[in-house]
Amino acid sequence: MKLYDWHAAPNPKRVRMFLAEKDLDLNIVEVSGENLRLRADYIEKFPQAMVPMLELPDGRQIGESMAICRYLEELHPAPPMLGRNAYERAIVDMWERRAFDEGMMAAGEVFRNTADAFRDRGLPGFATAVAQIPALVERGRERLGHFFRKFDQQLGKHRFVAGDHFTVADCTTFCSIEFAGWSDIGIPADCSNLLRWHREVSARPSARA
């Protein structure tokens, strides 16, 4: 199997962290091109024009980070990264989705609407230009503030985001915080539970995947 990757981007890192936690070794294909754009040959192969993408040995393709993780979890269930039973799987899915919607998407609102290199790419995956919307920047910052405090509260009750075991919800939360850092937005000093968790996760080998 091949994983098509843009090493600097936050979404592929979610999958690389997942792979590292499972000690899975896939063939990683870097598809970043010039000027922070995907290579033309990759877009021709995968017109969705987003990363990551998993290509199976028979050529079938799976896009979207969580779809890739779910597929690999079926093939390699240990250690469990999506939950160990029906209830845990639901809770992991709930918190992973919250991390993506409230953290990753908010960080994307700020970055894509401020970075000069993304002046005509306000949204990912579009072949035509999508203008930046400066008004979304402040909303993104406000959303990140809510995200930090919600997850700080959750981590005051649990060691990890979805409970007492490291899961894919932690991968998405960690990558969302890293993405916010691209816009110089960090965890507030009074979010002590989130800061404790971030230090612990940063020390895991998968954080450097």
N, C-alpha and C. Protein backbone atom coordinates (compact mmCIF):
# COMPACT_ATOMS: atom_id res chain seq x y z
N MET A 1 0.84 -1.20 0.00
CA MET A 1 0.00 0.00 0.00
C MET A 1 0.87 1.25 0.00
N LYS A 2 0.37 2.30 -0.64
CA LYS A 2 1.07 3.58 -0.68
C LYS A 2 0.22 4.64 0.00
N LEU A 3 0.86 5.46 0.82
CA LEU A 3 0.19 6.60 1.42
C LEU A 3 0.76 7.86 0.77
N TYR A 4 -0.09 8.57 0.05
CA TYR A 4 0.32 9.82 -0.58
C TYR A 4 0.20 10.94 0.45
N ASP A 5 1.29 11.66 0.65
CA ASP A 5 1.46 12.51 1.82
C ASP A 5 2.03 13.86 1.42
N TRP A 6 1.65 14.88 2.19
CA TRP A 6 2.32 16.18 2.14
C TRP A 6 2.82 16.39 3.56
N HIS A 7 4.11 16.22 3.76
CA HIS A 7 4.63 16.06 5.12
C HIS A 7 4.32 17.25 6.01
N ALA A 8 4.24 18.44 5.46
CA ALA A 8 4.03 19.63 6.28
C ALA A 8 2.57 19.81 6.69
N ALA A 9 1.65 19.17 5.98
CA ALA A 9 0.22 19.44 6.19
C ALA A 9 -0.32 18.71 7.43
N PRO A 10 -1.32 19.29 8.09
CA PRO A 10 -1.82 18.70 9.34
C PRO A 10 -2.63 17.43 9.16
N ASN A 11 -3.43 17.32 8.12
CA ASN A 11 -4.26 16.12 7.98
C ASN A 11 -3.46 14.85 7.74
N PRO A 12 -2.47 14.85 6.85
CA PRO A 12 -1.66 13.64 6.71
C PRO A 12 -0.95 13.24 8.00
N LYS A 13 -0.58 14.23 8.81
CA LYS A 13 0.10 13.88 10.07
C LYS A 13 -0.82 13.09 10.99
N ARG A 14 -2.11 13.35 10.95
CA ARG A 14 -3.05 12.55 11.75
C ARG A 14 -2.87 11.07 11.42
N VAL A 15 -2.74 10.76 10.13
CA VAL A 15 -2.59 9.37 9.72
C VAL A 15 -1.20 8.84 10.06
N ARG A 16 -0.17 9.68 9.90
CA ARG A 16 1.18 9.22 10.24
C ARG A 16 1.29 8.92 11.74
N MET A 17 0.65 9.72 12.58
CA MET A 17 0.65 9.42 14.01
C MET A 17 -0.06 8.10 14.27
N PHE A 18 -1.18 7.89 13.62
CA PHE A 18 -1.93 6.64 13.73
C PHE A 18 -1.05 5.45 13.34
N LEU A 19 -0.34 5.57 12.22
CA LEU A 19 0.55 4.50 11.76
C LEU A 19 1.66 4.24 12.77
N ALA A 20 2.23 5.32 13.31
CA ALA A 20 3.33 5.17 14.27
C ALA A 20 2.87 4.47 15.54
N GLU A 21 1.68 4.80 16.01
CA GLU A 21 1.16 4.15 17.21
C GLU A 21 0.94 2.65 16.99
N LYS A 22 0.61 2.28 15.76
CA LYS A 22 0.40 0.87 15.43
C LYS A 22 1.66 0.19 14.91
N ASP A 23 2.74 0.96 14.78
CA ASP A 23 4.00 0.43 14.26
C ASP A 23 3.82 -0.17 12.86
N LEU A 24 3.06 0.55 12.03
CA LEU A 24 2.83 0.13 10.65
C LEU A 24 3.76 0.90 9.72
N ASP A 25 4.34 0.21 8.78
CA ASP A 25 5.29 0.81 7.85
C ASP A 25 4.72 0.75 6.44
N LEU A 26 4.21 1.88 5.95
CA LEU A 26 3.68 1.95 4.59
C LEU A 26 4.67 2.68 3.69
N ASN A 27 4.50 2.50 2.41
CA ASN A 27 5.29 3.24 1.43
C ASN A 27 4.73 4.66 1.35
N ILE A 28 5.49 5.64 1.84
CA ILE A 28 5.04 7.03 1.88
C ILE A 28 5.53 7.75 0.62
N VAL A 29 4.60 8.36 -0.10
CA VAL A 29 4.92 9.09 -1.32
C VAL A 29 4.64 10.57 -1.09
N GLU A 30 5.68 11.39 -1.13
CA GLU A 30 5.54 12.84 -0.91
C GLU A 30 5.04 13.50 -2.20
N VAL A 31 3.98 14.31 -2.08
CA VAL A 31 3.37 14.89 -3.28
C VAL A 31 3.36 16.42 -3.25
N SER A 32 4.13 17.02 -2.37
CA SER A 32 4.18 18.49 -2.34
C SER A 32 4.99 18.99 -3.53
N GLY A 33 4.50 20.07 -4.12
CA GLY A 33 5.18 20.68 -5.25
C GLY A 33 5.67 22.07 -4.90
N GLU A 34 5.83 22.91 -5.90
CA GLU A 34 6.32 24.26 -5.69
C GLU A 34 5.20 25.17 -5.20
N ASN A 35 5.59 26.20 -4.46
CA ASN A 35 4.66 27.23 -3.99
C ASN A 35 3.52 26.66 -3.16
N LEU A 36 3.85 25.67 -2.33
CA LEU A 36 2.86 25.06 -1.43
C LEU A 36 1.65 24.51 -2.20
N ARG A 37 1.92 23.89 -3.32
CA ARG A 37 0.87 23.27 -4.12
C ARG A 37 1.17 21.80 -4.33
N LEU A 38 0.13 21.02 -4.55
CA LEU A 38 0.30 19.60 -4.85
C LEU A 38 0.88 19.42 -6.24
N ARG A 39 1.66 18.36 -6.42
CA ARG A 39 2.22 18.08 -7.74
C ARG A 39 1.11 17.76 -8.74
N ALA A 40 1.32 18.16 -9.98
CA ALA A 40 0.32 17.97 -11.03
C ALA A 40 0.04 16.49 -11.28
N ASP A 41 1.07 15.64 -11.19
CA ASP A 41 0.85 14.22 -11.46
C ASP A 41 -0.02 13.58 -10.37
N TYR A 42 0.06 14.11 -9.15
CA TYR A 42 -0.80 13.59 -8.09
C TYR A 42 -2.25 14.02 -8.31
N ILE A 43 -2.46 15.26 -8.70
CA ILE A 43 -3.82 15.74 -8.96
C ILE A 43 -4.45 14.96 -10.11
N GLU A 44 -3.63 14.60 -11.10
CA GLU A 44 -4.14 13.79 -12.21
C GLU A 44 -4.55 12.40 -11.70
N LYS A 45 -3.76 11.85 -10.79
CA LYS A 45 -4.06 10.53 -10.24
C LYS A 45 -5.28 10.58 -9.32
N PHE A 46 -5.39 11.68 -8.55
CA PHE A 46 -6.43 11.80 -7.52
C PHE A 46 -7.07 13.18 -7.65
N PRO A 47 -8.05 13.34 -8.54
CA PRO A 47 -8.62 14.66 -8.84
C PRO A 47 -9.26 15.36 -7.64
N GLN A 48 -9.53 14.64 -6.57
CA GLN A 48 -10.02 15.31 -5.36
C GLN A 48 -9.01 16.33 -4.87
N ALA A 49 -7.74 16.12 -5.23
CA ALA A 49 -6.66 17.09 -4.97
C ALA A 49 -6.53 17.43 -3.49
N MET A 50 -6.56 16.40 -2.66
CA MET A 50 -6.36 16.59 -1.23
C MET A 50 -5.49 15.45 -0.71
N VAL A 51 -4.89 15.67 0.44
CA VAL A 51 -4.07 14.65 1.08
C VAL A 51 -4.56 14.45 2.51
N PRO A 52 -4.36 13.20 3.02
CA PRO A 52 -3.67 12.06 2.43
C PRO A 52 -4.60 11.24 1.53
N MET A 53 -3.98 10.30 0.83
CA MET A 53 -4.73 9.32 0.05
C MET A 53 -4.00 7.99 0.16
N LEU A 54 -4.75 6.94 0.42
CA LEU A 54 -4.19 5.59 0.51
C LEU A 54 -4.51 4.84 -0.77
N GLU A 55 -3.47 4.32 -1.42
CA GLU A 55 -3.66 3.53 -2.64
C GLU A 55 -3.38 2.07 -2.32
N LEU A 56 -4.36 1.22 -2.60
CA LEU A 56 -4.23 -0.21 -2.33
C LEU A 56 -3.42 -0.88 -3.44
N PRO A 57 -2.91 -2.08 -3.20
CA PRO A 57 -2.09 -2.75 -4.22
C PRO A 57 -2.79 -2.93 -5.56
N ASP A 58 -4.13 -3.02 -5.56
CA ASP A 58 -4.85 -3.19 -6.82
C ASP A 58 -5.23 -1.86 -7.46
N GLY A 59 -4.76 -0.74 -6.88
CA GLY A 59 -5.00 0.57 -7.46
C GLY A 59 -6.20 1.31 -6.90
N ARG A 60 -7.03 0.65 -6.10
CA ARG A 60 -8.15 1.37 -5.50
C ARG A 60 -7.63 2.43 -4.53
N GLN A 61 -8.42 3.50 -4.39
CA GLN A 61 -7.98 4.65 -3.60
C GLN A 61 -8.95 4.95 -2.47
N ILE A 62 -8.39 5.36 -1.34
CA ILE A 62 -9.19 5.80 -0.20
C ILE A 62 -8.67 7.17 0.22
N GLY A 63 -9.54 8.17 0.16
CA GLY A 63 -9.20 9.50 0.63
C GLY A 63 -9.80 9.74 2.01
N GLU A 64 -9.44 10.87 2.62
CA GLU A 64 -9.91 11.32 3.93
C GLU A 64 -9.20 10.56 5.06
N SER A 65 -8.66 11.32 5.98
CA SER A 65 -7.83 10.75 7.05
C SER A 65 -8.56 9.69 7.86
N MET A 66 -9.78 9.99 8.30
CA MET A 66 -10.48 9.02 9.15
C MET A 66 -10.90 7.78 8.37
N ALA A 67 -11.23 7.92 7.11
CA ALA A 67 -11.56 6.74 6.30
C ALA A 67 -10.35 5.83 6.19
N ILE A 68 -9.18 6.42 6.01
CA ILE A 68 -7.94 5.64 5.94
C ILE A 68 -7.68 4.95 7.28
N CYS A 69 -7.85 5.68 8.37
CA CYS A 69 -7.62 5.09 9.69
C CYS A 69 -8.59 3.94 9.97
N ARG A 70 -9.84 4.10 9.60
CA ARG A 70 -10.81 3.03 9.83
C ARG A 70 -10.47 1.79 9.02
N TYR A 71 -10.03 1.99 7.79
CA TYR A 71 -9.64 0.85 6.96
C TYR A 71 -8.46 0.11 7.58
N LEU A 72 -7.45 0.85 8.00
CA LEU A 72 -6.26 0.22 8.58
C LEU A 72 -6.56 -0.41 9.94
N GLU A 73 -7.49 0.16 10.69
CA GLU A 73 -7.88 -0.44 11.96
C GLU A 73 -8.51 -1.81 11.75
N GLU A 74 -9.28 -1.96 10.68
CA GLU A 74 -9.88 -3.26 10.37
C GLU A 74 -8.80 -4.30 10.07
N LEU A 75 -7.75 -3.87 9.38
CA LEU A 75 -6.68 -4.80 9.02
C LEU A 75 -5.73 -5.07 10.18
N HIS A 76 -5.53 -4.05 11.02
CA HIS A 76 -4.55 -4.14 12.11
C HIS A 76 -5.20 -3.61 13.39
N PRO A 77 -6.00 -4.42 14.05
CA PRO A 77 -6.79 -3.92 15.19
C PRO A 77 -6.00 -3.64 16.47
N ALA A 78 -4.77 -4.10 16.55
CA ALA A 78 -3.99 -3.89 17.77
C ALA A 78 -2.79 -2.97 17.49
N PRO A 79 -2.55 -2.02 18.40
CA PRO A 79 -3.41 -1.63 19.51
C PRO A 79 -4.64 -0.88 19.01
N PRO A 80 -5.76 -0.98 19.71
CA PRO A 80 -6.98 -0.32 19.22
C PRO A 80 -6.86 1.20 19.32
N MET A 81 -7.06 1.87 18.21
CA MET A 81 -6.98 3.33 18.17
C MET A 81 -8.35 3.99 18.01
N LEU A 82 -9.38 3.17 17.77
CA LEU A 82 -10.73 3.70 17.57
C LEU A 82 -11.68 3.27 18.68
N GLY A 83 -11.15 2.67 19.74
CA GLY A 83 -11.99 2.18 20.83
C GLY A 83 -11.99 0.67 20.90
N ARG A 84 -12.24 0.14 22.11
CA ARG A 84 -12.17 -1.31 22.32
C ARG A 84 -13.53 -1.99 22.35
N ASN A 85 -14.61 -1.21 22.39
CA ASN A 85 -15.96 -1.77 22.39
C ASN A 85 -16.89 -0.73 21.78
N ALA A 86 -18.17 -1.07 21.68
CA ALA A 86 -19.11 -0.18 20.98
C ALA A 86 -19.18 1.20 21.62
N TYR A 87 -19.24 1.24 22.95
CA TYR A 87 -19.33 2.53 23.63
C TYR A 87 -18.06 3.35 23.41
N GLU A 88 -16.90 2.74 23.59
CA GLU A 88 -15.65 3.47 23.40
C GLU A 88 -15.51 3.97 21.97
N ARG A 89 -15.92 3.15 21.00
CA ARG A 89 -15.83 3.59 19.61
C ARG A 89 -16.69 4.82 19.36
N ALA A 90 -17.87 4.85 19.98
CA ALA A 90 -18.74 6.02 19.83
C ALA A 90 -18.12 7.26 20.47
N ILE A 91 -17.52 7.10 21.65
CA ILE A 91 -16.91 8.24 22.35
C ILE A 91 -15.69 8.74 21.60
N VAL A 92 -14.87 7.82 21.10
CA VAL A 92 -13.70 8.24 20.31
C VAL A 92 -14.14 8.99 19.07
N ASP A 93 -15.16 8.47 18.39
CA ASP A 93 -15.66 9.12 17.18
C ASP A 93 -16.20 10.51 17.51
N MET A 94 -16.90 10.63 18.63
CA MET A 94 -17.47 11.92 19.03
C MET A 94 -16.38 12.96 19.27
N TRP A 95 -15.35 12.58 20.05
CA TRP A 95 -14.32 13.55 20.38
C TRP A 95 -13.38 13.81 19.21
N GLU A 96 -13.16 12.82 18.37
CA GLU A 96 -12.35 13.06 17.18
C GLU A 96 -13.05 14.06 16.27
N ARG A 97 -14.36 13.91 16.12
CA ARG A 97 -15.10 14.83 15.26
C ARG A 97 -15.10 16.24 15.85
N ARG A 98 -15.22 16.34 17.17
CA ARG A 98 -15.17 17.65 17.80
C ARG A 98 -13.80 18.29 17.59
N ALA A 99 -12.75 17.50 17.72
CA ALA A 99 -11.40 18.03 17.51
C ALA A 99 -11.24 18.55 16.09
N PHE A 100 -11.78 17.81 15.12
CA PHE A 100 -11.65 18.24 13.73
C PHE A 100 -12.50 19.47 13.45
N ASP A 101 -13.77 19.42 13.83
CA ASP A 101 -14.68 20.52 13.51
C ASP A 101 -14.32 21.80 14.27
N GLU A 102 -13.99 21.66 15.54
CA GLU A 102 -13.81 22.84 16.39
C GLU A 102 -12.36 23.30 16.48
N GLY A 103 -11.41 22.40 16.18
CA GLY A 103 -10.00 22.75 16.23
C GLY A 103 -9.37 22.88 14.85
N MET A 104 -9.37 21.78 14.11
CA MET A 104 -8.72 21.78 12.80
C MET A 104 -9.37 22.77 11.84
N MET A 105 -10.69 22.77 11.78
CA MET A 105 -11.38 23.67 10.86
C MET A 105 -11.22 25.13 11.27
N ALA A 106 -11.21 25.39 12.56
CA ALA A 106 -11.01 26.76 13.03
C ALA A 106 -9.61 27.25 12.70
N ALA A 107 -8.61 26.39 12.91
CA ALA A 107 -7.24 26.75 12.56
C ALA A 107 -7.12 27.00 11.06
N GLY A 108 -7.84 26.20 10.27
CA GLY A 108 -7.84 26.38 8.83
C GLY A 108 -8.46 27.70 8.41
N GLU A 109 -9.52 28.11 9.11
CA GLU A 109 -10.13 29.41 8.80
C GLU A 109 -9.12 30.54 8.95
N VAL A 110 -8.34 30.48 10.02
CA VAL A 110 -7.36 31.54 10.25
C VAL A 110 -6.25 31.47 9.22
N PHE A 111 -5.65 30.29 9.06
CA PHE A 111 -4.48 30.17 8.20
C PHE A 111 -4.80 30.44 6.73
N ARG A 112 -5.83 29.80 6.22
CA ARG A 112 -6.13 29.92 4.79
C ARG A 112 -6.61 31.32 4.41
N ASN A 113 -7.07 32.08 5.37
CA ASN A 113 -7.55 33.43 5.07
C ASN A 113 -6.55 34.52 5.43
N THR A 114 -5.32 34.11 5.80
CA THR A 114 -4.27 35.09 6.09
C THR A 114 -2.98 34.84 5.32
N ALA A 115 -2.66 33.57 5.03
CA ALA A 115 -1.38 33.24 4.41
C ALA A 115 -1.33 33.72 2.96
N ASP A 116 -0.27 34.44 2.60
CA ASP A 116 -0.13 34.96 1.24
C ASP A 116 -0.13 33.84 0.20
N ALA A 117 0.49 32.71 0.53
CA ALA A 117 0.58 31.61 -0.43
C ALA A 117 -0.78 31.00 -0.74
N PHE A 118 -1.79 31.29 0.10
CA PHE A 118 -3.13 30.73 -0.10
C PHE A 118 -4.13 31.83 -0.48
N ARG A 119 -3.62 32.89 -1.09
CA ARG A 119 -4.47 34.03 -1.42
C ARG A 119 -5.64 33.62 -2.31
N ASP A 120 -5.43 32.67 -3.22
CA ASP A 120 -6.50 32.23 -4.12
C ASP A 120 -6.95 30.81 -3.78
N ARG A 121 -6.66 30.37 -2.54
CA ARG A 121 -7.01 29.01 -2.13
C ARG A 121 -7.63 29.03 -0.74
N GLY A 122 -8.73 29.77 -0.63
CA GLY A 122 -9.40 29.88 0.65
C GLY A 122 -9.99 28.57 1.14
N LEU A 123 -10.21 27.63 0.22
CA LEU A 123 -10.70 26.29 0.56
C LEU A 123 -9.84 25.26 -0.16
N PRO A 124 -9.63 24.08 0.45
CA PRO A 124 -8.82 23.05 -0.20
C PRO A 124 -9.61 22.27 -1.24
N GLY A 125 -8.88 21.70 -2.20
CA GLY A 125 -9.47 20.75 -3.13
C GLY A 125 -10.19 21.35 -4.33
N PHE A 126 -10.13 22.68 -4.50
CA PHE A 126 -10.83 23.32 -5.62
C PHE A 126 -9.85 23.59 -6.76
N ALA A 127 -10.27 23.24 -7.99
CA ALA A 127 -9.42 23.49 -9.15
C ALA A 127 -9.43 24.96 -9.54
N THR A 128 -10.50 25.67 -9.21
CA THR A 128 -10.59 27.09 -9.51
C THR A 128 -10.27 27.91 -8.26
N ALA A 129 -9.97 29.18 -8.46
CA ALA A 129 -9.59 30.05 -7.36
C ALA A 129 -10.75 30.25 -6.38
N VAL A 130 -10.41 30.24 -5.09
CA VAL A 130 -11.38 30.55 -4.03
C VAL A 130 -10.76 31.66 -3.19
N ALA A 131 -11.39 32.82 -3.21
CA ALA A 131 -10.82 33.99 -2.56
C ALA A 131 -10.79 33.84 -1.04
N GLN A 132 -9.80 34.46 -0.42
CA GLN A 132 -9.76 34.55 1.03
C GLN A 132 -10.89 35.46 1.53
N ILE A 133 -11.36 35.20 2.74
CA ILE A 133 -12.39 36.02 3.37
C ILE A 133 -11.84 36.49 4.71
N PRO A 134 -11.29 37.69 4.77
CA PRO A 134 -10.65 38.17 6.00
C PRO A 134 -11.55 38.13 7.23
N ALA A 135 -12.86 38.29 7.04
CA ALA A 135 -13.77 38.29 8.18
C ALA A 135 -13.78 36.95 8.91
N LEU A 136 -13.38 35.88 8.23
CA LEU A 136 -13.38 34.57 8.86
C LEU A 136 -12.22 34.39 9.84
N VAL A 137 -11.21 35.25 9.74
CA VAL A 137 -10.03 35.11 10.58
C VAL A 137 -10.39 35.28 12.05
N GLU A 138 -11.10 36.34 12.37
CA GLU A 138 -11.47 36.58 13.77
C GLU A 138 -12.41 35.49 14.28
N ARG A 139 -13.32 35.04 13.42
CA ARG A 139 -14.20 33.96 13.84
C ARG A 139 -13.39 32.70 14.14
N GLY A 140 -12.39 32.41 13.30
CA GLY A 140 -11.55 31.26 13.55
C GLY A 140 -10.81 31.36 14.87
N ARG A 141 -10.32 32.54 15.18
CA ARG A 141 -9.62 32.74 16.46
C ARG A 141 -10.57 32.52 17.64
N GLU A 142 -11.79 33.01 17.52
CA GLU A 142 -12.77 32.81 18.59
C GLU A 142 -13.10 31.33 18.74
N ARG A 143 -13.25 30.65 17.62
CA ARG A 143 -13.55 29.22 17.68
C ARG A 143 -12.42 28.45 18.35
N LEU A 144 -11.17 28.83 18.06
CA LEU A 144 -10.04 28.15 18.69
C LEU A 144 -10.04 28.39 20.20
N GLY A 145 -10.43 29.57 20.63
CA GLY A 145 -10.53 29.82 22.06
C GLY A 145 -11.51 28.89 22.73
N HIS A 146 -12.66 28.67 22.10
CA HIS A 146 -13.66 27.74 22.64
C HIS A 146 -13.12 26.30 22.61
N PHE A 147 -12.43 25.96 21.54
CA PHE A 147 -11.85 24.62 21.40
C PHE A 147 -10.86 24.34 22.53
N PHE A 148 -9.94 25.27 22.77
CA PHE A 148 -8.94 25.06 23.82
C PHE A 148 -9.61 24.84 25.17
N ARG A 149 -10.61 25.63 25.48
CA ARG A 149 -11.22 25.53 26.81
C ARG A 149 -12.12 24.29 26.94
N LYS A 150 -12.80 23.92 25.88
CA LYS A 150 -13.60 22.70 25.94
C LYS A 150 -12.72 21.48 26.17
N PHE A 151 -11.60 21.42 25.45
CA PHE A 151 -10.72 20.26 25.58
C PHE A 151 -9.93 20.31 26.89
N ASP A 152 -9.66 21.50 27.39
CA ASP A 152 -9.04 21.61 28.71
C ASP A 152 -9.96 21.02 29.78
N GLN A 153 -11.24 21.32 29.67
CA GLN A 153 -12.21 20.78 30.63
C GLN A 153 -12.29 19.26 30.53
N GLN A 154 -12.33 18.74 29.31
CA GLN A 154 -12.38 17.29 29.11
C GLN A 154 -11.14 16.61 29.68
N LEU A 155 -9.99 17.22 29.49
CA LEU A 155 -8.74 16.62 29.95
C LEU A 155 -8.51 16.81 31.44
N GLY A 156 -9.37 17.57 32.08
CA GLY A 156 -9.37 17.61 33.53
C GLY A 156 -10.02 16.37 34.13
N LYS A 157 -10.74 15.62 33.30
CA LYS A 157 -11.44 14.42 33.76
C LYS A 157 -10.79 13.13 33.28
N HIS A 158 -9.97 13.22 32.24
CA HIS A 158 -9.37 12.02 31.65
C HIS A 158 -7.92 12.28 31.28
N ARG A 159 -7.14 11.22 31.25
CA ARG A 159 -5.74 11.35 30.85
C ARG A 159 -5.62 11.74 29.39
N PHE A 160 -6.45 11.12 28.55
CA PHE A 160 -6.43 11.41 27.12
C PHE A 160 -7.79 11.95 26.69
N VAL A 161 -7.89 12.37 25.45
CA VAL A 161 -9.07 13.10 24.99
C VAL A 161 -10.35 12.29 25.14
N ALA A 162 -10.33 11.01 24.76
CA ALA A 162 -11.55 10.21 24.78
C ALA A 162 -11.57 9.20 25.92
N GLY A 163 -10.71 9.38 26.91
CA GLY A 163 -10.69 8.45 28.04
C GLY A 163 -9.28 8.23 28.54
N ASP A 164 -9.02 7.03 29.01
CA ASP A 164 -7.73 6.73 29.63
C ASP A 164 -6.76 6.04 28.69
N HIS A 165 -7.11 5.94 27.40
CA HIS A 165 -6.23 5.32 26.41
C HIS A 165 -6.02 6.29 25.25
N PHE A 166 -4.82 6.29 24.70
CA PHE A 166 -4.49 7.13 23.55
C PHE A 166 -5.23 6.60 22.33
N THR A 167 -5.93 7.50 21.62
CA THR A 167 -6.71 7.10 20.45
C THR A 167 -6.50 8.11 19.32
N VAL A 168 -7.19 7.84 18.22
CA VAL A 168 -7.12 8.74 17.08
C VAL A 168 -7.66 10.13 17.43
N ALA A 169 -8.51 10.22 18.44
CA ALA A 169 -8.99 11.55 18.88
C ALA A 169 -7.83 12.40 19.38
N ASP A 170 -6.85 11.77 20.00
CA ASP A 170 -5.66 12.50 20.44
C ASP A 170 -4.82 12.95 19.25
N CYS A 171 -4.74 12.10 18.22
CA CYS A 171 -3.99 12.47 17.02
C CYS A 171 -4.58 13.73 16.39
N THR A 172 -5.90 13.76 16.23
CA THR A 172 -6.54 14.91 15.60
C THR A 172 -6.42 16.15 16.47
N THR A 173 -6.56 16.00 17.78
CA THR A 173 -6.43 17.14 18.68
C THR A 173 -5.02 17.71 18.62
N PHE A 174 -4.02 16.84 18.67
CA PHE A 174 -2.63 17.29 18.63
C PHE A 174 -2.32 18.02 17.33
N CYS A 175 -2.76 17.46 16.21
CA CYS A 175 -2.48 18.09 14.91
C CYS A 175 -3.25 19.40 14.75
N SER A 176 -4.42 19.50 15.36
CA SER A 176 -5.17 20.76 15.32
C SER A 176 -4.42 21.85 16.06
N ILE A 177 -3.84 21.51 17.21
CA ILE A 177 -3.08 22.48 17.99
C ILE A 177 -1.82 22.90 17.23
N GLU A 178 -1.15 21.94 16.60
CA GLU A 178 0.01 22.29 15.78
C GLU A 178 -0.38 23.22 14.63
N PHE A 179 -1.52 22.95 14.01
CA PHE A 179 -1.98 23.77 12.89
C PHE A 179 -2.29 25.19 13.37
N ALA A 180 -2.90 25.32 14.53
CA ALA A 180 -3.15 26.66 15.09
C ALA A 180 -1.84 27.41 15.29
N GLY A 181 -0.79 26.67 15.63
CA GLY A 181 0.52 27.28 15.82
C GLY A 181 1.09 27.91 14.56
N TRP A 182 0.65 27.43 13.39
CA TRP A 182 1.10 28.06 12.14
C TRP A 182 0.70 29.53 12.10
N SER A 183 -0.38 29.87 12.80
CA SER A 183 -0.87 31.26 12.85
C SER A 183 -0.51 31.92 14.18
N ASP A 184 0.48 31.34 14.87
CA ASP A 184 0.96 31.88 16.15
C ASP A 184 -0.14 31.91 17.21
N ILE A 185 -1.00 30.91 17.19
CA ILE A 185 -2.05 30.77 18.20
C ILE A 185 -1.72 29.53 19.02
N GLY A 186 -1.47 29.74 20.30
CA GLY A 186 -1.09 28.63 21.17
C GLY A 186 -2.11 28.37 22.26
N ILE A 187 -1.89 27.30 22.99
CA ILE A 187 -2.76 26.95 24.11
C ILE A 187 -2.68 28.04 25.18
N PRO A 188 -3.80 28.57 25.63
CA PRO A 188 -3.76 29.60 26.68
C PRO A 188 -3.09 29.08 27.95
N ALA A 189 -2.40 29.98 28.64
CA ALA A 189 -1.64 29.59 29.83
C ALA A 189 -2.53 29.03 30.94
N ASP A 190 -3.80 29.43 30.96
CA ASP A 190 -4.68 28.95 32.03
C ASP A 190 -5.34 27.62 31.71
N CYS A 191 -5.03 27.04 30.55
CA CYS A 191 -5.57 25.71 30.20
C CYS A 191 -4.58 24.64 30.66
N SER A 192 -4.47 24.49 31.97
CA SER A 192 -3.42 23.63 32.53
C SER A 192 -3.60 22.16 32.17
N ASN A 193 -4.83 21.70 32.07
CA ASN A 193 -5.06 20.29 31.72
C ASN A 193 -4.64 20.01 30.28
N LEU A 194 -4.98 20.91 29.39
CA LEU A 194 -4.60 20.76 27.99
C LEU A 194 -3.09 20.85 27.83
N LEU A 195 -2.46 21.74 28.57
CA LEU A 195 -1.00 21.86 28.52
C LEU A 195 -0.33 20.60 29.04
N ARG A 196 -0.86 20.03 30.11
CA ARG A 196 -0.32 18.77 30.64
C ARG A 196 -0.41 17.67 29.60
N TRP A 197 -1.58 17.55 28.99
CA TRP A 197 -1.78 16.54 27.94
C TRP A 197 -0.83 16.79 26.77
N HIS A 198 -0.69 18.04 26.36
CA HIS A 198 0.16 18.35 25.21
C HIS A 198 1.61 17.99 25.48
N ARG A 199 2.09 18.22 26.68
CA ARG A 199 3.45 17.83 27.02
C ARG A 199 3.61 16.31 26.93
N GLU A 200 2.63 15.59 27.43
CA GLU A 200 2.71 14.13 27.42
C GLU A 200 2.68 13.58 26.00
N VAL A 201 1.77 14.10 25.18
CA VAL A 201 1.66 13.60 23.81
C VAL A 201 2.88 14.01 22.99
N SER A 202 3.41 15.20 23.24
CA SER A 202 4.60 15.65 22.51
C SER A 202 5.80 14.74 22.75
N ALA A 203 5.81 14.05 23.88
CA ALA A 203 6.92 13.15 24.20
C ALA A 203 6.78 11.78 23.55
N ARG A 204 5.62 11.48 22.98
CA ARG A 204 5.42 10.19 22.32
C ARG A 204 6.15 10.19 20.98
N PRO A 205 6.75 9.07 20.59
CA PRO A 205 7.42 9.01 19.28
C PRO A 205 6.50 9.38 18.11
N SER A 206 5.21 9.06 18.22
CA SER A 206 4.29 9.35 17.12
C SER A 206 4.13 10.85 16.87
N ALA A 207 4.41 11.68 17.88
CA ALA A 207 4.29 13.13 17.70
C ALA A 207 5.31 13.65 16.70
N ARG A 208 6.35 12.88 16.45
CA ARG A 208 7.39 13.29 15.49
C ARG A 208 7.24 12.56 14.16
N ALA A 209 6.11 11.91 13.95
CA ALA A 209 5.90 11.14 12.72
C ALA A 209 5.84 12.06 11.50
